[in-house]
Protein backbone atom coordinates (compact mmCIF):
# COMPACT_ATOMS: atom_id res chain seq x y z
CA MET A 1 -38.52 -15.11 -35.07
CA GLY A 2 -36.88 -15.32 -31.50
CA LEU A 3 -36.65 -14.29 -28.19
CA VAL A 4 -33.90 -12.01 -26.35
CA VAL A 5 -32.72 -14.97 -24.62
CA ALA A 6 -32.50 -17.64 -27.29
CA MET A 7 -32.66 -15.66 -30.68
CA ASP A 8 -28.90 -14.85 -31.07
CA ASP A 9 -28.16 -18.61 -29.77
CA THR A 10 -29.34 -20.17 -32.62
CA LEU A 11 -27.24 -18.27 -35.01
CA HIS A 12 -23.46 -19.27 -33.98
CA ARG A 13 -20.54 -19.64 -34.85
CA LEU A 14 -19.03 -20.99 -38.39
CA LEU A 15 -16.52 -19.60 -40.31
CA LEU A 16 -17.06 -16.83 -42.98
CA PHE A 17 -17.06 -17.59 -46.78
CA TRP A 18 -14.06 -17.52 -49.41
CA CYS A 19 -14.41 -15.42 -52.57
CA PHE A 20 -12.84 -15.79 -55.84
CA THR A 21 -10.26 -13.26 -55.69
CA LEU A 22 -7.28 -13.00 -53.23
CA VAL A 23 -8.06 -9.18 -52.76
CA ILE A 24 -11.81 -10.04 -51.81
CA GLN A 25 -10.39 -12.83 -49.55
CA VAL A 26 -8.27 -10.23 -47.50
CA PHE A 27 -11.28 -7.30 -47.52
CA LEU A 28 -13.62 -9.75 -45.92
CA GLN A 29 -11.33 -11.55 -43.35
CA PRO A 30 -12.26 -10.10 -39.51
CA ALA A 31 -10.37 -6.89 -38.41
CA LYS A 32 -7.56 -7.89 -35.88
CA GLY A 33 -6.71 -6.44 -32.89
CA GLY A 34 -10.00 -5.01 -32.35
CA PRO A 35 -11.94 -5.49 -28.75
CA GLN A 36 -12.04 -9.03 -26.99
CA GLN A 37 -14.49 -10.17 -24.53
CA PRO A 38 -13.00 -12.07 -21.40
CA GLU A 39 -12.82 -15.22 -20.95
CA ILE A 40 -15.39 -15.77 -17.96
CA LYS A 41 -17.24 -18.94 -18.13
CA ALA A 42 -21.00 -19.12 -17.27
CA SER A 43 -22.76 -21.85 -15.28
CA SER A 44 -24.93 -23.84 -16.66
CA CYS A 45 -27.88 -22.23 -14.54
CA VAL A 46 -27.12 -18.95 -16.29
CA SER A 47 -29.30 -18.28 -19.06
CA PRO A 48 -27.29 -17.21 -22.48
CA GLU A 49 -28.57 -13.79 -22.26
CA MET A 50 -27.48 -13.23 -18.90
CA ALA A 51 -24.09 -14.76 -19.72
CA ARG A 52 -24.05 -11.91 -22.37
CA LEU A 53 -24.80 -8.90 -19.52
CA ILE A 54 -22.71 -10.21 -17.18
CA VAL A 55 -19.15 -10.36 -19.28
CA GLN A 56 -17.68 -7.21 -19.57
CA GLU A 57 -18.14 -5.50 -22.91
CA ARG A 58 -16.88 -2.13 -23.03
CA GLY A 59 -17.88 1.66 -24.06
CA GLY A 60 -20.25 2.41 -21.47
CA ILE A 61 -23.07 1.30 -19.16
CA ARG A 62 -26.59 0.07 -19.68
CA VAL A 63 -28.52 3.06 -19.52
CA ILE A 64 -30.03 3.04 -16.11
CA PRO A 65 -29.35 5.51 -13.66
CA ARG A 66 -26.81 4.50 -11.04
CA ASP A 67 -28.60 6.78 -8.08
CA VAL A 68 -31.78 5.45 -6.80
CA GLY A 69 -31.84 7.43 -3.96
CA LYS A 70 -29.38 5.52 -1.51
CA ASP A 71 -26.39 6.79 -0.31
CA SER A 72 -23.40 7.87 -1.71
CA ALA A 73 -20.83 5.20 0.21
CA ALA A 74 -23.54 2.49 -1.67
CA VAL A 75 -22.97 4.29 -4.93
CA ARG A 76 -19.10 4.42 -4.58
CA GLU A 77 -18.97 0.30 -3.55
CA ASN A 78 -20.78 -0.36 -6.51
CA SER A 79 -18.68 1.40 -8.60
CA ARG A 80 -15.44 0.09 -6.45
CA GLY A 81 -16.75 -3.53 -7.60
CA ILE A 82 -17.51 -2.63 -11.65
CA THR A 83 -14.00 -1.60 -11.36
CA ALA A 84 -12.85 -4.58 -10.43
CA THR A 85 -14.53 -6.06 -13.09
CA THR A 86 -12.72 -3.94 -15.39
CA ALA A 87 -9.47 -5.55 -14.34
CA PRO A 88 -8.00 -8.58 -15.99
CA GLU A 89 -10.52 -11.37 -15.24
CA SER A 90 -9.39 -14.13 -12.39
CA LEU A 91 -10.91 -15.64 -9.40
CA GLN A 92 -9.21 -12.45 -7.19
CA THR A 93 -11.02 -9.77 -9.60
CA MET A 94 -14.23 -11.37 -9.17
CA GLN A 95 -14.26 -12.27 -5.69
CA GLU A 96 -13.07 -8.16 -5.02
CA ALA A 97 -15.74 -7.59 -7.22
CA HIS A 98 -18.35 -9.38 -4.97
CA LYS A 99 -16.98 -8.24 -2.20
CA TRP A 100 -18.07 -4.48 -2.84
CA PHE A 101 -21.12 -5.50 -4.32
CA GLN A 102 -22.45 -7.19 -1.57
CA LYS A 103 -21.49 -4.09 0.73
CA ALA A 104 -23.73 -2.00 -1.80
CA ALA A 105 -26.38 -4.39 -1.78
CA ARG A 106 -26.72 -4.65 2.17
CA ARG A 107 -27.07 -1.01 2.08
CA GLY A 108 -30.16 -1.64 -0.63
CA TYR A 109 -28.61 -0.12 -3.50
CA ALA A 110 -30.55 -1.89 -6.70
CA PRO A 111 -28.05 -2.15 -9.25
CA ALA A 112 -25.48 -3.55 -6.77
CA GLN A 113 -28.21 -6.16 -5.52
CA VAL A 114 -28.40 -7.22 -9.58
CA ASN A 115 -24.84 -7.23 -9.93
CA LEU A 116 -24.29 -9.43 -6.79
CA ALA A 117 -27.25 -11.90 -7.83
CA VAL A 118 -25.78 -12.43 -11.14
CA LEU A 119 -22.27 -12.99 -9.72
CA SER A 120 -24.08 -15.43 -6.95
CA LEU A 121 -25.89 -17.24 -10.20
CA ALA A 122 -23.02 -17.45 -12.03
CA GLY A 123 -20.23 -18.48 -9.26
CA TRP A 124 -18.29 -15.72 -10.47
CA GLY A 125 -16.18 -14.86 -7.08
CA THR A 126 -18.17 -17.09 -4.88
CA PRO A 127 -19.96 -20.39 -5.21
CA ALA A 128 -22.94 -20.51 -7.26
CA ASN A 129 -25.92 -20.28 -5.33
CA ALA A 130 -29.45 -19.85 -6.86
CA GLY A 131 -31.40 -19.00 -4.00
CA GLU A 132 -29.14 -16.16 -2.99
CA ALA A 133 -29.56 -14.41 -6.41
CA LEU A 134 -33.40 -15.00 -6.17
CA TYR A 135 -33.17 -13.28 -3.13
CA TRP A 136 -31.49 -10.29 -4.10
CA LEU A 137 -33.03 -10.26 -7.63
CA HIS A 138 -36.57 -10.15 -5.37
CA ALA A 139 -35.39 -7.23 -3.02
CA ALA A 140 -34.19 -5.34 -6.40
CA ALA A 141 -37.48 -5.68 -8.26
CA GLU A 142 -39.00 -4.44 -5.21
CA GLN A 143 -37.54 -1.07 -5.56
CA ARG A 144 -39.18 -1.20 -9.16
CA TYR A 145 -35.75 -1.74 -10.30
CA ALA A 146 -35.97 -2.80 -14.21
CA PRO A 147 -33.05 -5.08 -14.88
CA ALA A 148 -34.24 -7.11 -11.56
CA ILE A 149 -37.66 -7.49 -12.82
CA PHE A 150 -36.54 -8.70 -16.28
CA ASP A 151 -33.84 -11.12 -14.89
CA LEU A 152 -36.50 -12.38 -12.46
CA GLY A 153 -38.49 -13.35 -15.91
CA ILE A 154 -35.56 -14.74 -17.50
CA LEU A 155 -35.08 -17.47 -14.33
CA TYR A 156 -38.73 -18.37 -14.67
CA GLN A 157 -38.63 -18.63 -18.10
CA GLU A 158 -35.24 -20.53 -18.47
CA GLY A 159 -36.12 -22.84 -14.76
CA CYS A 160 -32.74 -21.65 -13.22
CA GLY A 161 -33.05 -21.95 -9.93
CA VAL A 162 -36.55 -22.27 -9.55
CA ARG A 163 -39.24 -24.71 -11.54
CA ARG A 164 -39.72 -23.14 -15.33
CA ASP A 165 -42.85 -21.35 -15.24
CA TYR A 166 -43.78 -19.42 -18.44
CA GLY A 167 -46.73 -17.76 -16.48
CA GLU A 168 -44.55 -16.52 -13.64
CA ALA A 169 -42.05 -15.21 -16.61
CA PHE A 170 -45.09 -13.70 -18.35
CA HIS A 171 -45.58 -11.65 -15.00
CA PHE A 172 -42.19 -10.43 -14.83
CA PHE A 173 -41.92 -9.40 -18.30
CA GLU A 174 -45.31 -7.58 -18.52
CA LYS A 175 -44.38 -5.88 -15.10
CA GLY A 176 -41.00 -4.89 -16.99
CA ALA A 177 -42.83 -3.73 -20.11
CA LEU A 178 -45.09 -1.66 -18.26
CA VAL A 179 -42.69 0.35 -16.94
CA GLY A 180 -40.93 0.85 -20.69
CA ASP A 181 -38.19 -1.49 -20.52
CA PRO A 182 -37.48 -2.81 -23.86
CA SER A 183 -36.18 -6.33 -23.02
CA ALA A 184 -38.81 -7.18 -20.86
CA GLN A 185 -41.29 -6.17 -23.95
CA THR A 186 -39.63 -7.66 -26.53
CA ASN A 187 -39.74 -10.78 -24.30
CA LEU A 188 -43.20 -10.25 -23.25
CA GLY A 189 -43.75 -9.87 -27.05
CA TYR A 190 -42.24 -13.55 -27.92
CA LEU A 191 -44.52 -15.07 -25.16
CA TYR A 192 -47.49 -13.74 -26.54
CA ASP A 193 -45.76 -14.29 -30.19
CA GLN A 194 -45.68 -18.35 -29.21
CA GLY A 195 -48.37 -18.58 -26.79
CA LEU A 196 -45.97 -19.25 -24.01
CA GLY A 197 -47.80 -18.31 -20.26
CA VAL A 198 -50.42 -16.42 -22.00
CA MET A 199 -52.79 -17.30 -25.16
CA GLN A 200 -50.94 -16.85 -28.55
CA ASN A 201 -51.69 -13.08 -29.63
CA ARG A 202 -49.56 -12.04 -32.76
CA SER A 203 -51.60 -8.78 -32.91
CA GLU A 204 -50.83 -8.15 -29.02
CA ALA A 205 -47.22 -9.62 -29.84
CA ALA A 206 -46.88 -6.61 -32.51
CA LYS A 207 -47.77 -4.13 -30.24
CA TRP A 208 -44.92 -4.71 -27.44
CA TYR A 209 -42.52 -5.74 -30.19
CA ARG A 210 -43.16 -1.74 -31.64
CA LEU A 211 -42.73 -0.42 -28.25
CA ALA A 212 -39.18 -1.79 -27.84
CA ALA A 213 -38.78 -1.59 -31.62
CA ASP A 214 -39.55 2.19 -30.99
CA GLN A 215 -37.02 2.06 -28.38
CA GLY A 216 -33.63 0.56 -30.66
CA GLU A 217 -34.23 -3.08 -29.46
CA PRO A 218 -33.07 -4.71 -32.47
CA ARG A 219 -34.15 -8.03 -31.91
CA ALA A 220 -37.58 -6.67 -31.50
CA GLN A 221 -36.99 -4.71 -34.94
CA TYR A 222 -36.37 -8.11 -36.38
CA ASN A 223 -39.09 -9.67 -34.72
CA LEU A 224 -41.61 -6.96 -36.10
CA GLY A 225 -39.99 -6.64 -39.25
CA ASP A 226 -40.73 -10.95 -39.48
CA LEU A 227 -44.43 -10.19 -38.71
CA TYR A 228 -45.00 -7.63 -41.08
CA LEU A 229 -43.05 -9.78 -43.92
CA ARG A 230 -45.61 -12.45 -43.31
CA GLY A 231 -48.41 -10.46 -42.43
CA ASP A 232 -48.87 -12.22 -39.08
CA GLY A 233 -50.90 -10.35 -36.52
CA ILE A 234 -50.47 -7.16 -38.61
CA GLU A 235 -51.14 -5.95 -41.95
CA ARG A 236 -48.63 -7.63 -44.47
CA ASP A 237 -46.44 -4.43 -45.50
CA GLU A 238 -42.93 -5.76 -47.18
CA SER A 239 -41.68 -2.16 -47.17
CA ALA A 240 -42.40 -1.82 -43.31
CA ALA A 241 -40.66 -5.18 -42.91
CA PHE A 242 -37.70 -3.76 -45.07
CA ALA A 243 -37.49 -0.60 -42.79
CA TRP A 244 -37.57 -2.61 -39.69
CA PHE A 245 -35.25 -5.16 -40.74
CA GLN A 246 -32.78 -2.32 -41.81
CA LYS A 247 -32.64 -0.70 -38.29
CA ALA A 248 -31.87 -4.25 -36.52
CA ALA A 249 -28.98 -4.78 -39.56
CA LEU A 250 -27.92 -1.66 -38.59
CA ALA A 251 -27.54 -2.29 -34.80
CA GLY A 252 -25.79 -5.28 -35.83
CA HIS A 253 -28.26 -7.88 -35.65
CA ALA A 254 -26.89 -10.79 -38.26
CA GLU A 255 -30.23 -12.36 -38.84
CA ALA A 256 -31.98 -8.89 -40.03
CA ARG A 257 -28.24 -8.59 -41.81
CA ILE A 258 -29.47 -11.66 -43.87
CA MET A 259 -32.79 -10.65 -44.44
CA LEU A 260 -32.16 -7.26 -45.46
CA GLY A 261 -29.99 -8.83 -48.03
CA SER A 262 -32.18 -11.17 -49.46
CA MET A 263 -35.16 -8.24 -49.45
CA TYR A 264 -32.35 -6.06 -51.54
CA ALA A 265 -31.35 -9.05 -54.07
CA ALA A 266 -35.18 -10.01 -54.76
CA GLY A 267 -36.45 -6.38 -54.81
CA ARG A 268 -38.63 -7.12 -51.95
CA GLY A 269 -39.83 -3.38 -49.88
CA THR A 270 -37.10 -1.95 -51.61
CA PRO A 271 -35.74 -1.19 -55.45
CA ARG A 272 -33.32 -4.28 -56.20
CA ASP A 273 -29.62 -3.80 -55.84
CA PRO A 274 -27.37 -6.69 -55.91
CA ALA A 275 -24.50 -4.53 -54.67
CA THR A 276 -26.01 -3.63 -51.53
CA ALA A 277 -27.39 -6.81 -50.93
CA TYR A 278 -23.82 -8.48 -51.05
CA MET A 279 -22.89 -5.96 -48.72
CA TRP A 280 -25.56 -6.97 -46.07
CA LEU A 281 -25.10 -10.65 -46.86
CA ALA A 282 -21.19 -10.23 -46.00
CA LEU A 283 -21.65 -8.70 -43.03
CA ALA A 284 -23.74 -11.54 -41.79
CA ALA A 285 -21.03 -13.80 -42.94
CA LEU A 286 -18.36 -11.46 -41.02
CA GLN A 287 -20.66 -12.14 -38.11
CA GLY A 288 -19.86 -16.00 -38.12
CA ASP A 289 -23.20 -16.97 -39.52
CA SER A 290 -23.16 -19.00 -42.50
CA ARG A 291 -26.46 -19.17 -43.44
CA ALA A 292 -25.85 -16.02 -45.61
CA ASN A 293 -23.03 -17.93 -47.93
CA ALA A 294 -25.46 -19.57 -50.10
CA LYS A 295 -27.14 -16.77 -50.90
CA LEU A 296 -23.90 -14.66 -51.15
CA ASP A 297 -22.68 -16.96 -53.92
CA GLU A 298 -25.66 -16.63 -55.62
CA VAL A 299 -25.50 -12.84 -55.54
CA LYS A 300 -22.02 -12.89 -56.11
CA THR A 301 -22.85 -14.20 -60.05
CA GLN A 302 -24.65 -11.06 -60.67
CA LEU A 303 -21.60 -8.60 -60.04
CA THR A 304 -18.72 -7.64 -61.20
CA THR A 305 -15.22 -7.79 -59.97
CA GLU A 306 -15.30 -4.12 -59.55
CA GLU A 307 -18.74 -4.05 -57.80
CA LEU A 308 -18.05 -6.96 -55.72
CA VAL A 309 -14.73 -5.30 -54.46
CA GLU A 310 -16.64 -2.67 -53.78
CA ALA A 311 -19.60 -3.96 -51.75
CA THR A 312 -17.05 -5.49 -50.09
CA VAL A 313 -15.05 -2.79 -48.82
CA ARG A 314 -18.37 -1.35 -47.62
CA ALA A 315 -19.15 -4.65 -45.37
CA GLN A 316 -15.71 -4.37 -43.65
CA SER A 317 -16.08 -0.79 -43.16
CA LEU A 318 -19.63 -0.93 -41.28
CA ALA A 319 -18.26 -4.30 -39.39
CA GLY A 320 -15.79 -2.74 -37.99
CA LYS A 321 -18.27 0.70 -36.77
CA THR A 322 -20.85 -1.93 -35.58
CA LYS A 323 -18.35 -3.64 -33.38
CA ARG A 324 -17.51 -0.02 -31.62
CA GLN A 325 -20.99 0.40 -31.25
CA VAL A 326 -22.05 -2.84 -29.46
CA TRP A 327 -19.44 -3.11 -26.70
CA LYS A 328 -21.09 -2.02 -23.51
CA SER A 329 -20.44 -2.72 -19.78
CA PRO A 330 -23.30 -5.00 -18.04
CA PHE A 331 -22.79 -3.53 -14.65
CA HIS A 332 -25.10 -1.12 -13.32
């Protein structure tokens, strides 16, 4: 199981598998010309989760209200900062973003305070300054702004700008979880799951994973599925595990796709279906997760050429749809 911050960091980034016919090789190549993330480099102090958040991801913003009761000037200034981040990334554009986020942050606008904090933490458009980042995150957290509360939990968990303190991380994740933030709920579940900053309690972990999973958080869906599969802190139920892995897989979670493919291949929690198993495993391979390859080779021997081609086409089609769904902008 994994944490919102750490889970995806263990999954990277080898080449996809090779199939035994040219047509299947062509089908399984990742689509070209799709959206690419800018080459913004994170500082060593920025956690992998924050690095993913700060990089522009296109297609909308995180669903948190922009208007938190501040004047329209702050909203406009924050929006100008966001606009600057959508230009081709350079020192000048990030300095421009920093300027506008700072103006809005000084007016007390919580989304801008978080945006400014992450720029300060990463050293984008300004010298890296963890102390300044903490100041602005605390300012936004005092307004009960969920992303700020979550980010503070991350800093204490990772020891970024502060001494690593799982108890303090627990405090902030719990605070965010109680106001319904699914990322905080997932991380709180993980701390209970692993006994970090709190006594280990897998039943309590399952509770928080479920709350986040019900809001569509794929990492929580995967972790909850794993608890169901193992019967750890919750009654063992392979059908429930399958259902949660499927939700996470549809949202693009690579490890969930491997688990789903493996369950289809073995007939666990669902009728056995080698072709569908191959499709899900191929999707994980297309994401660069090499752990799918051995199982792919095993399942491939159970399929006809026609079934293999069809499963591969389905994988390629779903891969394209998933890419379009996951691009989001991190700035608030």
